[in-house]
C-alpha cells in the first residue's frame, strides 16, 4: 500500500523523483506507469497493472456511457505511459504538467494503489478551501476510518 506525503521537486524537464518510501512498493509492480488526470489539477501515477484493471472494468461498460466517455477523454488527453528511469524518476506529461502547474516543489502522496503529484502551493490552497466538515467526519466514520 502507498501511504503518506513527501515533498519532492519537479526538475526543468518535468521529471519527479519518487520518494524512497514509495520506490520499493512501486518497483514490485514494474517500471511502467500510466500518468494521467481526470481533472487536470494534479497528476495520478498508476502502476500499469493497476491502470489495466481500471481499463478492464471500463471495457465492460457501454461505449455510449457518458461517464465512461468523459473519463476516457480526459485521462487519455492528459495521460501517457512512462517508464521510471534508473534514478527513480518519472516524467509528468507536458500537457498535464502545464495544467497542474507541476514545477518546483511538489507533494507526492500515496493513495493506496497509486500516487498523486500536486503542486505544493496548489495543494495547500485546495486544503484550505475545503476544510473538513461535520458531514465529512460522518462519512469518514462510515468508511471505517
Protein backbone atom coordinates (compact mmCIF):
# COMPACT_ATOMS: atom_id res chain seq x y z
CA UNK A 1 0.00 0.00 0.00
CA UNK A 2 1.12 3.51 -0.81
CA UNK A 3 0.60 5.98 2.03
CA UNK A 4 1.96 9.27 3.28
CA UNK A 5 3.10 12.55 1.76
CA UNK A 6 6.62 13.51 0.75
CA UNK A 7 7.95 16.76 -0.65
CA UNK A 8 9.83 16.38 -3.92
CA UNK A 9 10.96 18.57 -6.78
CA UNK A 10 9.90 18.54 -10.40
CA UNK A 11 13.00 19.32 -12.46
CA UNK A 12 13.13 21.55 -15.54
CA UNK A 13 12.33 18.55 -17.78
CA UNK A 14 9.23 17.65 -15.75
CA UNK A 15 10.71 14.63 -14.01
CA UNK A 16 9.78 13.87 -10.41
CA UNK A 17 11.91 11.62 -8.23
CA UNK A 18 9.73 9.07 -6.48
CA UNK A 19 10.35 9.25 -2.72
CA UNK A 20 12.34 6.30 -1.36
CA UNK A 21 9.47 5.12 0.85
CA UNK A 22 7.36 4.51 -2.29
CA UNK A 23 10.09 3.05 -4.50
CA UNK A 24 10.23 -0.47 -3.08
CA UNK A 25 6.46 -0.91 -3.42
CA UNK A 26 6.38 0.53 -6.93
CA UNK A 27 9.36 -1.47 -8.19
CA UNK A 28 7.44 -4.66 -7.33
CA UNK A 29 4.84 -3.64 -9.92
CA UNK A 30 7.38 -2.94 -12.67
CA UNK A 31 8.92 0.15 -14.26
CA UNK A 32 5.98 1.25 -16.41
CA UNK A 33 3.28 3.66 -15.21
CA UNK A 34 0.29 5.48 -16.62
CA UNK A 35 0.49 9.14 -15.58
CA UNK A 36 -2.80 10.96 -16.07
CA UNK A 37 -5.58 13.05 -14.53
CA UNK A 38 -9.33 13.32 -14.86
CA UNK A 39 -9.36 16.95 -13.71
CA UNK A 40 -6.01 18.39 -14.77
CA UNK A 41 -5.30 19.89 -11.34
CA UNK A 42 -2.89 17.14 -10.24
CA UNK A 43 -1.25 14.02 -11.67
CA UNK A 44 -2.11 10.45 -10.81
CA UNK A 45 0.66 7.89 -11.21
CA UNK A 46 -0.78 4.41 -11.71
CA UNK A 47 1.35 1.28 -11.89
CA UNK A 48 0.40 -0.28 -15.26
CA UNK A 49 -1.08 -3.32 -13.50
CA UNK A 50 -3.49 -1.04 -11.58
CA UNK A 51 -4.36 1.03 -14.68
CA UNK A 52 -5.03 -2.12 -16.72
CA UNK A 53 -7.57 -3.23 -14.09
CA UNK A 54 -9.33 0.13 -14.44
CA UNK A 55 -9.37 -0.35 -18.23
CA UNK A 56 -10.83 -3.87 -17.86
CA UNK A 57 -13.65 -2.51 -15.70
CA UNK A 58 -14.31 0.32 -18.18
CA UNK A 59 -14.34 -2.10 -21.12
CA UNK A 60 -17.34 -3.85 -19.51
CA UNK A 61 -19.36 -0.62 -19.76
CA UNK A 62 -21.15 0.55 -22.87
CA UNK A 63 -19.07 2.77 -25.13
CA UNK A 64 -22.09 5.11 -25.12
CA UNK A 65 -21.97 5.54 -21.34
CA UNK A 66 -21.38 9.31 -20.90
CA UNK A 67 -19.31 8.94 -17.70
CA UNK A 68 -17.06 6.37 -19.41
CA UNK A 69 -16.62 8.64 -22.42
CA UNK A 70 -15.80 11.68 -20.28
CA UNK A 71 -13.38 9.78 -18.06
CA UNK A 72 -11.53 8.25 -21.01
CA UNK A 73 -11.45 11.52 -22.96
CA UNK A 74 -9.82 13.32 -20.07
CA UNK A 75 -7.47 10.57 -18.91
CA UNK A 76 -6.31 9.99 -22.49
CA UNK A 77 -5.84 13.72 -23.10
CA UNK A 78 -3.69 14.18 -20.00
CA UNK A 79 -2.15 10.69 -19.93
CA UNK A 80 0.92 8.90 -21.17
CA UNK A 81 2.66 5.63 -20.42
CA UNK A 82 6.03 6.42 -18.83
CA UNK A 83 8.92 4.36 -17.59
CA UNK A 84 10.76 5.00 -14.34
CA UNK A 85 14.43 5.73 -15.00
CA UNK A 86 17.37 4.29 -13.09
CA UNK A 87 17.33 7.25 -10.70
CA UNK A 88 13.71 6.52 -9.67
CA UNK A 89 12.24 9.45 -11.64
CA UNK A 90 9.09 9.57 -13.74
CA UNK A 91 8.22 12.12 -16.39
CA UNK A 92 4.95 14.04 -15.99
CA UNK A 93 3.44 14.56 -19.49
CA UNK A 94 3.85 18.15 -20.66
CA UNK A 95 0.11 18.85 -21.11
CA UNK A 96 -0.60 17.66 -17.59
CA UNK A 97 2.49 19.34 -16.17
CA UNK A 98 1.28 22.66 -17.53
CA UNK A 99 -2.35 22.21 -16.46
CA UNK A 100 -1.45 21.09 -12.92
CA UNK A 101 1.44 23.58 -12.53
CA UNK A 102 3.78 20.73 -11.65
CA UNK A 103 7.09 22.51 -11.29
CA UNK A 104 9.39 23.21 -8.39
CA UNK A 105 8.14 21.91 -5.06
CA UNK A 106 5.55 19.16 -5.33
CA UNK A 107 3.77 16.82 -2.94
CA UNK A 108 3.93 13.12 -3.78
CA UNK A 109 1.12 11.42 -1.89
CA UNK A 110 0.27 7.77 -1.51
CA UNK A 111 -3.32 6.89 -2.33
CA UNK A 112 -3.29 3.14 -1.55
CA UNK A 113 -2.75 1.80 -5.11
CA UNK A 114 -1.46 4.90 -6.92
CA UNK A 115 0.34 8.18 -6.25
CA UNK A 116 -0.87 11.74 -6.60
CA UNK A 117 1.52 14.55 -7.51
CA UNK A 118 0.39 18.07 -6.63
CA UNK A 119 1.98 21.48 -6.97
CA UNK A 120 2.75 22.11 -3.29
CA UNK A 121 1.20 25.61 -3.08
CA UNK A 122 -1.89 24.50 -5.04
CA UNK A 123 -2.45 21.54 -2.70
CA UNK A 124 -2.26 23.77 0.38
CA UNK A 125 -4.77 26.18 -1.23
CA UNK A 126 -7.09 23.28 -2.05
CA UNK A 127 -6.97 22.02 1.55
CA UNK A 128 -7.66 25.50 2.94
CA UNK A 129 -10.59 25.97 0.56
CA UNK A 130 -12.12 22.61 1.54
CA UNK A 131 -11.92 22.25 5.34
CA UNK A 132 -13.18 19.08 6.99
CA UNK A 133 -16.87 19.47 7.86
CA UNK A 134 -19.16 17.62 10.26
CA UNK A 135 -20.60 15.80 7.21
CA UNK A 136 -17.08 14.73 6.25
CA UNK A 137 -16.48 13.35 9.75
CA UNK A 138 -19.67 11.28 9.44
CA UNK A 139 -18.58 9.99 6.02
CA UNK A 140 -15.10 9.14 7.42
CA UNK A 141 -16.80 7.14 10.17
CA UNK A 142 -18.87 5.25 7.58
CA UNK A 143 -15.64 4.41 5.77
CA UNK A 144 -14.34 2.89 8.97
CA UNK A 145 -11.58 5.46 9.27
